N, C-alpha and C. Protein backbone atom coordinates (compact mmCIF):
# COMPACT_ATOMS: atom_id res chain seq x y z
N MET A 1 -27.11 14.31 -23.52
CA MET A 1 -26.30 13.51 -22.94
C MET A 1 -26.80 12.06 -22.84
N ALA A 2 -26.27 11.09 -23.08
CA ALA A 2 -26.66 9.65 -22.93
C ALA A 2 -26.56 9.35 -21.45
N ALA A 3 -27.30 8.49 -20.85
CA ALA A 3 -27.28 7.94 -19.61
C ALA A 3 -26.26 6.95 -19.59
N GLN A 4 -25.57 6.82 -18.33
CA GLN A 4 -24.49 5.52 -18.18
C GLN A 4 -25.22 4.33 -17.63
N ASN A 5 -24.71 3.36 -18.25
CA ASN A 5 -25.17 2.04 -17.62
C ASN A 5 -24.81 1.75 -16.34
N LYS A 6 -25.55 1.86 -15.14
CA LYS A 6 -25.10 1.64 -13.76
C LYS A 6 -24.72 0.15 -13.68
N ASP A 7 -25.43 -0.75 -14.26
CA ASP A 7 -25.20 -2.12 -13.97
C ASP A 7 -23.90 -2.84 -14.58
N ALA A 8 -23.37 -2.10 -15.47
CA ALA A 8 -21.80 -2.54 -16.02
C ALA A 8 -20.75 -2.42 -14.93
N PRO A 9 -20.10 -3.40 -14.69
CA PRO A 9 -19.19 -3.38 -13.72
C PRO A 9 -17.98 -2.77 -14.54
N ARG A 10 -17.08 -1.87 -14.01
CA ARG A 10 -15.95 -1.29 -14.46
C ARG A 10 -14.80 -2.04 -13.43
N VAL A 11 -13.80 -2.67 -14.28
CA VAL A 11 -12.81 -3.42 -13.60
C VAL A 11 -11.58 -2.09 -13.42
N THR A 12 -11.72 -1.67 -12.47
CA THR A 12 -10.53 -0.51 -11.73
C THR A 12 -9.58 -1.21 -11.09
N GLU A 13 -9.29 -2.11 -10.84
CA GLU A 13 -8.40 -2.79 -10.09
C GLU A 13 -7.48 -4.00 -10.76
N ALA A 14 -6.40 -3.85 -10.58
CA ALA A 14 -5.33 -5.12 -11.01
C ALA A 14 -4.59 -5.81 -9.72
N ARG A 15 -4.98 -7.07 -9.50
CA ARG A 15 -4.55 -7.67 -8.34
C ARG A 15 -3.13 -8.63 -8.82
N ASN A 16 -2.28 -8.94 -7.75
CA ASN A 16 -1.06 -9.73 -8.18
C ASN A 16 -1.52 -10.98 -7.55
N SER A 17 -2.13 -11.81 -8.40
CA SER A 17 -2.36 -13.15 -7.97
C SER A 17 -1.30 -14.00 -7.49
N LYS A 18 -0.18 -13.95 -7.96
CA LYS A 18 0.95 -14.79 -7.43
C LYS A 18 1.49 -14.45 -6.06
N ALA A 19 1.42 -13.37 -5.69
CA ALA A 19 2.05 -12.67 -4.52
C ALA A 19 1.56 -13.48 -3.21
N PHE A 20 0.34 -13.86 -2.93
CA PHE A 20 -0.07 -14.56 -1.64
C PHE A 20 0.34 -15.95 -1.71
N ARG A 21 0.56 -16.51 -3.13
CA ARG A 21 0.97 -17.91 -3.11
C ARG A 21 2.49 -18.00 -2.92
N ASP A 22 3.18 -16.85 -3.39
CA ASP A 22 4.74 -17.20 -3.47
C ASP A 22 5.19 -16.47 -2.47
N TYR A 23 4.67 -15.56 -1.60
CA TYR A 23 5.32 -15.02 -0.44
C TYR A 23 4.51 -14.85 0.61
N THR A 24 5.17 -14.55 1.80
CA THR A 24 4.35 -14.42 3.18
C THR A 24 4.57 -12.88 3.09
N VAL A 25 3.25 -12.26 3.26
CA VAL A 25 2.93 -10.89 2.89
C VAL A 25 3.17 -10.21 4.61
N GLY A 26 3.75 -9.10 4.64
CA GLY A 26 4.22 -8.25 5.64
C GLY A 26 3.75 -6.94 5.79
N GLU A 27 4.38 -5.98 6.09
CA GLU A 27 3.78 -4.82 6.42
C GLU A 27 3.53 -4.15 4.91
N ARG A 28 2.62 -3.31 4.93
CA ARG A 28 1.78 -2.93 3.56
C ARG A 28 1.84 -1.36 3.45
N TYR A 29 2.28 -0.87 2.40
CA TYR A 29 2.26 0.70 2.17
C TYR A 29 1.20 0.85 1.02
N GLU A 30 0.63 1.97 1.09
CA GLU A 30 0.04 2.91 -0.19
C GLU A 30 0.76 3.68 -0.79
N ALA A 31 1.08 3.50 -2.09
CA ALA A 31 1.77 4.31 -2.88
C ALA A 31 1.26 4.93 -4.10
N GLY A 32 1.82 6.39 -4.29
CA GLY A 32 1.23 6.79 -5.62
C GLY A 32 2.14 6.50 -6.73
N ILE A 33 1.40 6.75 -8.23
CA ILE A 33 2.48 6.10 -9.11
C ILE A 33 2.35 7.26 -10.16
N GLN A 34 3.45 7.09 -10.68
CA GLN A 34 3.74 8.44 -11.83
C GLN A 34 3.41 7.70 -13.22
N LEU A 35 2.18 8.24 -13.78
CA LEU A 35 1.75 7.69 -15.30
C LEU A 35 1.36 8.54 -16.10
N ARG A 36 1.48 8.12 -17.40
CA ARG A 36 0.96 9.15 -18.50
C ARG A 36 -0.73 8.94 -18.72
N GLY A 37 -1.06 9.71 -19.46
CA GLY A 37 -2.59 9.70 -19.44
C GLY A 37 -2.94 8.43 -20.15
N THR A 38 -2.24 7.96 -21.26
CA THR A 38 -2.67 6.97 -21.87
C THR A 38 -2.50 5.70 -21.05
N GLU A 39 -2.01 5.72 -20.00
CA GLU A 39 -1.74 4.63 -19.05
C GLU A 39 -2.79 4.30 -18.18
N VAL A 40 -3.60 5.77 -17.53
CA VAL A 40 -4.43 5.87 -17.02
C VAL A 40 -5.55 5.28 -17.49
N LYS A 41 -5.70 5.66 -18.81
CA LYS A 41 -6.99 5.29 -19.77
C LYS A 41 -6.94 3.82 -20.02
N SER A 42 -5.63 3.27 -20.12
CA SER A 42 -5.69 1.93 -20.00
C SER A 42 -5.99 1.04 -18.68
N ILE A 43 -5.73 1.49 -17.69
CA ILE A 43 -5.97 1.16 -16.52
C ILE A 43 -7.62 0.79 -16.22
N ARG A 44 -7.95 2.17 -16.76
CA ARG A 44 -9.55 2.34 -16.63
C ARG A 44 -10.33 1.36 -17.18
N THR A 45 -9.78 1.09 -18.36
CA THR A 45 -10.38 -0.38 -19.23
C THR A 45 -10.12 -1.66 -18.79
N GLY A 46 -9.04 -1.57 -17.66
CA GLY A 46 -8.85 -2.88 -17.03
C GLY A 46 -7.66 -3.79 -18.03
N LYS A 47 -7.05 -2.82 -18.65
CA LYS A 47 -5.91 -3.53 -19.27
C LYS A 47 -4.52 -3.58 -18.55
N ALA A 48 -4.52 -3.74 -17.31
CA ALA A 48 -3.38 -3.58 -16.53
C ALA A 48 -2.89 -4.82 -15.96
N GLN A 49 -1.50 -5.46 -15.58
CA GLN A 49 -1.30 -6.61 -15.25
C GLN A 49 -0.07 -6.28 -14.30
N ILE A 50 -0.16 -6.81 -12.86
CA ILE A 50 0.91 -6.63 -12.25
C ILE A 50 1.55 -7.91 -11.58
N SER A 51 1.21 -9.12 -12.12
CA SER A 51 1.55 -10.44 -11.51
C SER A 51 2.87 -10.69 -11.55
N ASP A 52 3.85 -10.17 -12.47
CA ASP A 52 5.19 -10.36 -12.50
C ASP A 52 5.95 -8.74 -12.22
N ALA A 53 5.19 -8.18 -11.38
CA ALA A 53 5.86 -6.88 -11.07
C ALA A 53 6.68 -6.86 -9.66
N PHE A 54 7.71 -6.31 -9.63
CA PHE A 54 8.73 -6.04 -8.33
C PHE A 54 8.81 -4.61 -8.21
N CYS A 55 9.47 -4.07 -7.11
CA CYS A 55 9.97 -3.04 -6.84
C CYS A 55 11.21 -2.79 -6.45
N ARG A 56 12.07 -1.62 -6.89
CA ARG A 56 13.53 -1.62 -6.33
C ARG A 56 13.64 -0.18 -5.78
N ILE A 57 14.59 -0.17 -4.90
CA ILE A 57 14.87 1.63 -4.48
C ILE A 57 15.87 1.74 -4.93
N GLU A 58 16.00 2.86 -6.04
CA GLU A 58 17.31 3.31 -6.39
C GLU A 58 17.52 4.79 -6.31
N LYS A 59 18.51 5.28 -5.52
CA LYS A 59 18.72 6.61 -5.21
C LYS A 59 17.81 7.23 -4.46
N ASP A 60 17.17 6.44 -3.47
CA ASP A 60 16.29 6.89 -2.51
C ASP A 60 14.94 7.26 -3.38
N GLU A 61 14.61 6.63 -4.38
CA GLU A 61 13.26 6.62 -5.13
C GLU A 61 12.87 5.27 -5.34
N VAL A 62 11.48 4.76 -5.16
CA VAL A 62 11.10 3.46 -5.49
C VAL A 62 10.56 3.43 -6.96
N TRP A 63 10.88 2.47 -7.64
CA TRP A 63 10.61 2.20 -8.93
C TRP A 63 10.04 0.63 -8.92
N MET A 64 8.88 0.59 -9.98
CA MET A 64 8.13 -0.70 -10.05
C MET A 64 8.76 -1.01 -11.47
N PHE A 65 9.03 -2.26 -11.59
CA PHE A 65 9.43 -2.97 -12.59
C PHE A 65 8.48 -4.23 -13.03
N GLY A 66 8.53 -4.40 -14.42
CA GLY A 66 7.70 -5.54 -14.78
C GLY A 66 6.16 -5.22 -14.79
N ALA A 67 5.42 -4.22 -14.58
CA ALA A 67 4.08 -4.14 -14.44
C ALA A 67 3.74 -3.83 -15.88
N HIS A 68 2.91 -4.56 -16.60
CA HIS A 68 2.30 -4.37 -17.81
C HIS A 68 1.21 -3.68 -17.98
N ILE A 69 1.09 -2.45 -18.82
CA ILE A 69 -0.09 -1.75 -18.92
C ILE A 69 -0.20 -1.67 -20.44
N GLU A 70 -1.28 -2.18 -21.07
CA GLU A 70 -1.09 -2.12 -22.46
C GLU A 70 -1.61 -1.02 -23.09
N PRO A 71 -0.79 -0.51 -24.33
CA PRO A 71 -0.96 0.48 -24.77
C PRO A 71 -2.35 0.95 -25.38
N TYR A 72 -2.90 2.24 -25.11
CA TYR A 72 -4.15 2.63 -25.17
C TYR A 72 -4.68 2.38 -26.83
N ALA A 73 -5.82 1.81 -27.00
CA ALA A 73 -6.28 1.70 -28.16
C ALA A 73 -6.42 3.18 -29.30
N PHE A 74 -6.93 3.71 -28.55
CA PHE A 74 -7.42 4.93 -29.33
C PHE A 74 -6.50 6.35 -29.01
N ALA A 75 -5.14 5.96 -28.94
CA ALA A 75 -4.02 6.94 -28.58
C ALA A 75 -3.21 7.09 -29.99
N THR A 76 -2.68 8.60 -30.20
CA THR A 76 -2.13 8.62 -31.44
C THR A 76 -0.57 8.23 -31.13
N LEU A 77 0.43 8.74 -31.89
CA LEU A 77 1.73 8.41 -31.74
C LEU A 77 2.16 8.70 -30.11
N GLU A 78 1.50 9.33 -29.39
CA GLU A 78 1.97 9.50 -28.08
C GLU A 78 1.81 8.75 -27.12
N ASN A 79 1.70 7.36 -27.49
CA ASN A 79 1.42 6.01 -26.66
C ASN A 79 2.52 5.79 -25.75
N HIS A 80 2.20 5.04 -24.82
CA HIS A 80 3.53 4.51 -23.81
C HIS A 80 3.97 3.28 -24.25
N GLU A 81 5.13 2.85 -23.62
CA GLU A 81 5.60 1.49 -23.64
C GLU A 81 5.01 0.77 -22.45
N SER A 82 4.68 -0.54 -22.94
CA SER A 82 3.86 -1.50 -21.96
C SER A 82 4.76 -1.75 -20.85
N LYS A 83 6.00 -2.03 -20.94
CA LYS A 83 6.71 -2.54 -19.67
C LYS A 83 7.65 -1.66 -19.14
N ARG A 84 7.39 -0.29 -19.20
CA ARG A 84 8.66 0.48 -18.72
C ARG A 84 8.41 0.78 -17.34
N PRO A 85 9.84 1.23 -16.58
CA PRO A 85 9.89 1.26 -15.09
C PRO A 85 8.64 2.58 -15.02
N ARG A 86 8.27 2.32 -13.65
CA ARG A 86 7.38 3.53 -13.28
C ARG A 86 7.57 3.84 -11.77
N LYS A 87 7.71 5.17 -11.49
CA LYS A 87 8.21 5.83 -10.26
C LYS A 87 7.12 5.45 -9.13
N LEU A 88 7.32 5.08 -7.87
CA LEU A 88 6.26 5.17 -6.81
C LEU A 88 6.61 6.33 -6.32
N PHE A 89 5.37 6.74 -5.45
CA PHE A 89 5.54 7.77 -4.59
C PHE A 89 5.18 7.40 -2.88
N LEU A 90 6.21 7.14 -2.25
CA LEU A 90 6.00 7.11 -0.68
C LEU A 90 6.78 7.83 0.08
N HIS A 91 6.49 8.22 1.28
CA HIS A 91 7.03 9.05 2.32
C HIS A 91 8.36 8.73 2.37
N ARG A 92 9.33 9.68 2.45
CA ARG A 92 10.49 9.44 2.84
C ARG A 92 11.12 8.43 3.96
N SER A 93 10.38 8.84 5.21
CA SER A 93 10.50 7.78 6.30
C SER A 93 10.17 6.26 5.91
N ASP A 94 8.92 6.07 5.23
CA ASP A 94 8.63 4.98 4.88
C ASP A 94 9.64 4.08 3.75
N ILE A 95 10.27 4.97 2.77
CA ILE A 95 11.30 4.27 1.92
C ILE A 95 12.61 3.86 2.64
N ARG A 96 13.06 4.89 3.86
CA ARG A 96 13.95 4.36 4.53
C ARG A 96 13.63 2.96 5.38
N LYS A 97 12.62 2.92 5.83
CA LYS A 97 12.33 1.86 6.37
C LYS A 97 12.20 0.63 5.65
N ILE A 98 11.82 0.60 4.42
CA ILE A 98 11.69 -0.55 3.81
C ILE A 98 13.20 -0.79 2.89
N ASP A 99 13.90 0.23 2.85
CA ASP A 99 15.45 0.26 2.48
C ASP A 99 16.11 -0.61 3.50
N LEU A 100 15.95 -0.31 4.63
CA LEU A 100 16.53 -1.42 5.94
C LEU A 100 16.31 -2.46 5.88
N ALA A 101 14.86 -2.80 5.78
CA ALA A 101 14.36 -4.28 5.83
C ALA A 101 14.92 -5.05 4.58
N MET A 102 14.88 -4.33 3.27
CA MET A 102 15.34 -5.18 2.29
C MET A 102 16.93 -5.34 2.18
N ASN A 103 17.75 -4.35 2.71
CA ASN A 103 19.12 -4.51 2.95
C ASN A 103 19.57 -5.57 4.10
N ALA A 104 18.74 -5.77 5.06
CA ALA A 104 18.76 -6.73 6.01
C ALA A 104 18.73 -8.29 5.53
N GLY A 105 18.13 -8.32 4.26
CA GLY A 105 18.32 -9.58 3.71
C GLY A 105 17.09 -10.25 3.80
N GLY A 106 16.57 -11.14 2.65
CA GLY A 106 15.28 -12.01 2.56
C GLY A 106 14.25 -11.26 2.72
N LYS A 107 14.03 -9.96 2.21
CA LYS A 107 12.73 -9.43 2.12
C LYS A 107 12.56 -8.73 0.58
N SER A 108 11.46 -8.60 -0.05
CA SER A 108 11.02 -7.87 -1.34
C SER A 108 10.14 -7.05 -1.29
N LEU A 109 10.04 -6.10 -1.94
CA LEU A 109 8.99 -5.10 -2.05
C LEU A 109 8.10 -5.53 -3.42
N ILE A 110 6.70 -6.04 -3.19
CA ILE A 110 6.01 -6.59 -4.02
C ILE A 110 4.55 -5.84 -3.98
N PRO A 111 4.36 -5.34 -5.48
CA PRO A 111 2.95 -4.78 -5.53
C PRO A 111 1.78 -5.81 -5.57
N LEU A 112 0.86 -5.55 -4.56
CA LEU A 112 -0.41 -6.50 -4.33
C LEU A 112 -1.25 -5.95 -5.37
N ARG A 113 -1.76 -4.64 -5.38
CA ARG A 113 -2.67 -4.32 -6.21
C ARG A 113 -2.50 -2.99 -6.65
N MET A 114 -3.02 -2.73 -7.89
CA MET A 114 -3.38 -1.25 -8.38
C MET A 114 -4.54 -1.11 -8.69
N TYR A 115 -5.00 0.06 -7.88
CA TYR A 115 -6.64 0.71 -8.04
C TYR A 115 -6.67 2.02 -8.13
N PHE A 116 -7.88 2.66 -8.09
CA PHE A 116 -8.25 3.94 -8.35
C PHE A 116 -8.64 4.37 -6.84
N LYS A 117 -8.24 5.59 -6.47
CA LYS A 117 -8.59 6.25 -5.16
C LYS A 117 -9.24 7.48 -5.60
N GLU A 118 -10.49 7.60 -5.84
CA GLU A 118 -11.16 8.82 -6.54
C GLU A 118 -10.60 8.91 -7.70
N ALA A 119 -9.92 9.90 -8.23
CA ALA A 119 -9.35 10.17 -9.67
C ALA A 119 -7.82 9.72 -9.63
N LEU A 120 -7.18 9.35 -8.52
CA LEU A 120 -5.82 8.75 -8.75
C LEU A 120 -5.70 7.42 -8.77
N VAL A 121 -4.38 6.92 -9.35
CA VAL A 121 -4.25 5.59 -9.06
C VAL A 121 -3.23 5.34 -8.22
N LYS A 122 -3.39 4.38 -7.51
CA LYS A 122 -2.66 3.95 -6.15
C LYS A 122 -2.18 2.55 -6.54
N VAL A 123 -1.13 2.14 -5.54
CA VAL A 123 -0.48 0.75 -5.72
C VAL A 123 -0.42 0.40 -4.25
N GLU A 124 -0.71 -0.61 -4.05
CA GLU A 124 -0.56 -1.10 -2.58
C GLU A 124 0.86 -2.05 -2.67
N VAL A 125 1.75 -1.72 -1.98
CA VAL A 125 2.96 -2.63 -2.09
C VAL A 125 3.23 -3.11 -0.42
N ALA A 126 3.60 -4.45 -0.50
CA ALA A 126 4.16 -5.12 0.64
C ALA A 126 5.54 -5.55 0.80
N LEU A 127 5.91 -5.28 1.79
CA LEU A 127 7.35 -6.12 2.29
C LEU A 127 7.19 -7.58 2.28
N CYS A 128 7.81 -8.54 1.51
CA CYS A 128 7.29 -9.65 1.69
C CYS A 128 8.45 -10.63 1.70
N THR A 129 8.23 -11.90 2.25
CA THR A 129 9.19 -12.67 2.35
C THR A 129 8.92 -14.11 1.52
N GLY A 130 9.89 -14.38 0.64
CA GLY A 130 9.44 -15.72 -0.31
C GLY A 130 9.21 -16.99 0.65
N LYS A 131 8.16 -17.55 0.28
CA LYS A 131 8.09 -19.15 0.80
C LYS A 131 8.17 -20.08 0.04
N LYS A 132 9.07 -20.92 0.96
CA LYS A 132 9.73 -22.47 0.30
C LYS A 132 8.43 -23.34 0.05
N LEU A 133 8.98 -24.32 -0.54
CA LEU A 133 7.89 -25.18 -1.12
C LEU A 133 7.30 -25.92 -0.20
N PHE A 134 7.86 -26.25 1.21
CA PHE A 134 6.98 -26.74 2.30
C PHE A 134 6.08 -25.86 2.76
N ASP A 135 6.25 -24.64 2.67
CA ASP A 135 5.36 -23.55 3.16
C ASP A 135 3.99 -23.48 2.17
N LYS A 136 4.54 -23.67 1.04
CA LYS A 136 3.23 -24.00 0.03
C LYS A 136 2.34 -24.81 0.18
N ARG A 137 3.09 -25.95 0.32
CA ARG A 137 2.39 -27.40 0.74
C ARG A 137 1.61 -27.08 1.87
N ASP A 138 2.03 -26.48 3.21
CA ASP A 138 1.62 -26.52 4.08
C ASP A 138 0.16 -25.76 4.08
N ASP A 139 0.10 -24.60 3.17
CA ASP A 139 -0.90 -23.62 2.90
C ASP A 139 -1.80 -24.47 2.17
N LEU A 140 -1.78 -25.29 1.05
CA LEU A 140 -2.68 -25.96 0.40
C LEU A 140 -3.31 -26.87 1.26
N LYS A 141 -2.63 -27.76 2.21
CA LYS A 141 -3.13 -28.61 3.15
C LYS A 141 -4.27 -27.71 4.07
N LYS A 142 -4.05 -26.97 4.38
CA LYS A 142 -4.87 -26.00 5.44
C LYS A 142 -5.97 -25.66 4.30
N LYS A 143 -5.97 -25.20 3.27
CA LYS A 143 -7.06 -24.79 2.47
C LYS A 143 -7.64 -25.96 2.32
N VAL A 144 -7.46 -27.04 2.01
CA VAL A 144 -8.26 -28.24 1.80
C VAL A 144 -8.81 -28.71 3.04
N GLN A 145 -8.33 -28.67 4.32
CA GLN A 145 -8.94 -28.90 5.51
C GLN A 145 -10.02 -27.97 5.79
N MET A 146 -9.90 -26.67 5.48
CA MET A 146 -11.08 -25.63 5.76
C MET A 146 -12.07 -26.20 4.78
N ARG A 147 -11.84 -26.16 3.53
CA ARG A 147 -12.88 -26.90 2.70
C ARG A 147 -13.65 -27.70 3.15
N GLU A 148 -13.07 -28.80 3.52
CA GLU A 148 -13.71 -29.97 4.02
C GLU A 148 -14.50 -29.63 5.11
N VAL A 149 -13.95 -28.96 6.06
CA VAL A 149 -14.81 -28.14 7.46
C VAL A 149 -16.11 -27.64 6.83
N ASN A 150 -15.92 -26.76 6.05
CA ASN A 150 -17.04 -26.01 5.58
C ASN A 150 -18.17 -26.67 5.04
N ARG A 151 -17.52 -27.74 4.14
CA ARG A 151 -18.57 -28.75 3.70
C ARG A 151 -19.26 -29.39 4.55
N ALA A 152 -18.83 -30.04 5.68
CA ALA A 152 -19.37 -30.97 6.61
C ALA A 152 -20.23 -29.96 7.20
N LEU A 153 -20.14 -28.73 7.65
CA LEU A 153 -20.99 -27.97 8.42
C LEU A 153 -22.19 -27.49 7.64
N ARG A 154 -21.90 -27.61 6.22
CA ARG A 154 -22.98 -27.19 5.21
C ARG A 154 -23.92 -28.20 5.39
N THR A 155 -23.44 -29.59 5.21
CA THR A 155 -24.21 -30.68 5.18
C THR A 155 -25.21 -30.68 6.51
N ARG A 156 -24.47 -30.46 7.41
CA ARG A 156 -25.20 -30.71 8.78
C ARG A 156 -26.13 -29.94 9.09
N ARG A 157 -26.17 -28.55 8.48
CA ARG A 157 -27.04 -27.55 8.55
C ARG A 157 -28.27 -27.93 7.62
N GLY A 158 -27.96 -28.19 6.54
CA GLY A 158 -29.27 -28.46 5.30
C GLY A 158 -29.91 -29.80 5.70
């Protein structure tokens, strides 16, 4: 048996880069996801993207739409569709809380990251509120100010 290269990093996490820019992130939940075998293999090779994904509650079940998992290159005819809806597994009490918050208005259920927890694929979802344009500008100003403060401290120490 050949030895595996321990130095080679494996991308086993897909992050939603747009989530923190476009939304104010609230309460977070860890959910399981219903996948096919070829989807798990594609995620292991780093071929998943959830930046355009969102979740809905339909008939007391949580579904994730818009997540792109590239078809597995070495699969046969049994390959999966890349943008099919996928079912998320949450506790029934959590689903009720999320449904109440979403129906109250102004909240969305957005997946933040998809990752492996031992051999299982998990999705971290959060109740988010959409940011307005001025909120985004305020965040950019704060980021620039923090960068300037860190730069000044670095030059002072050195």
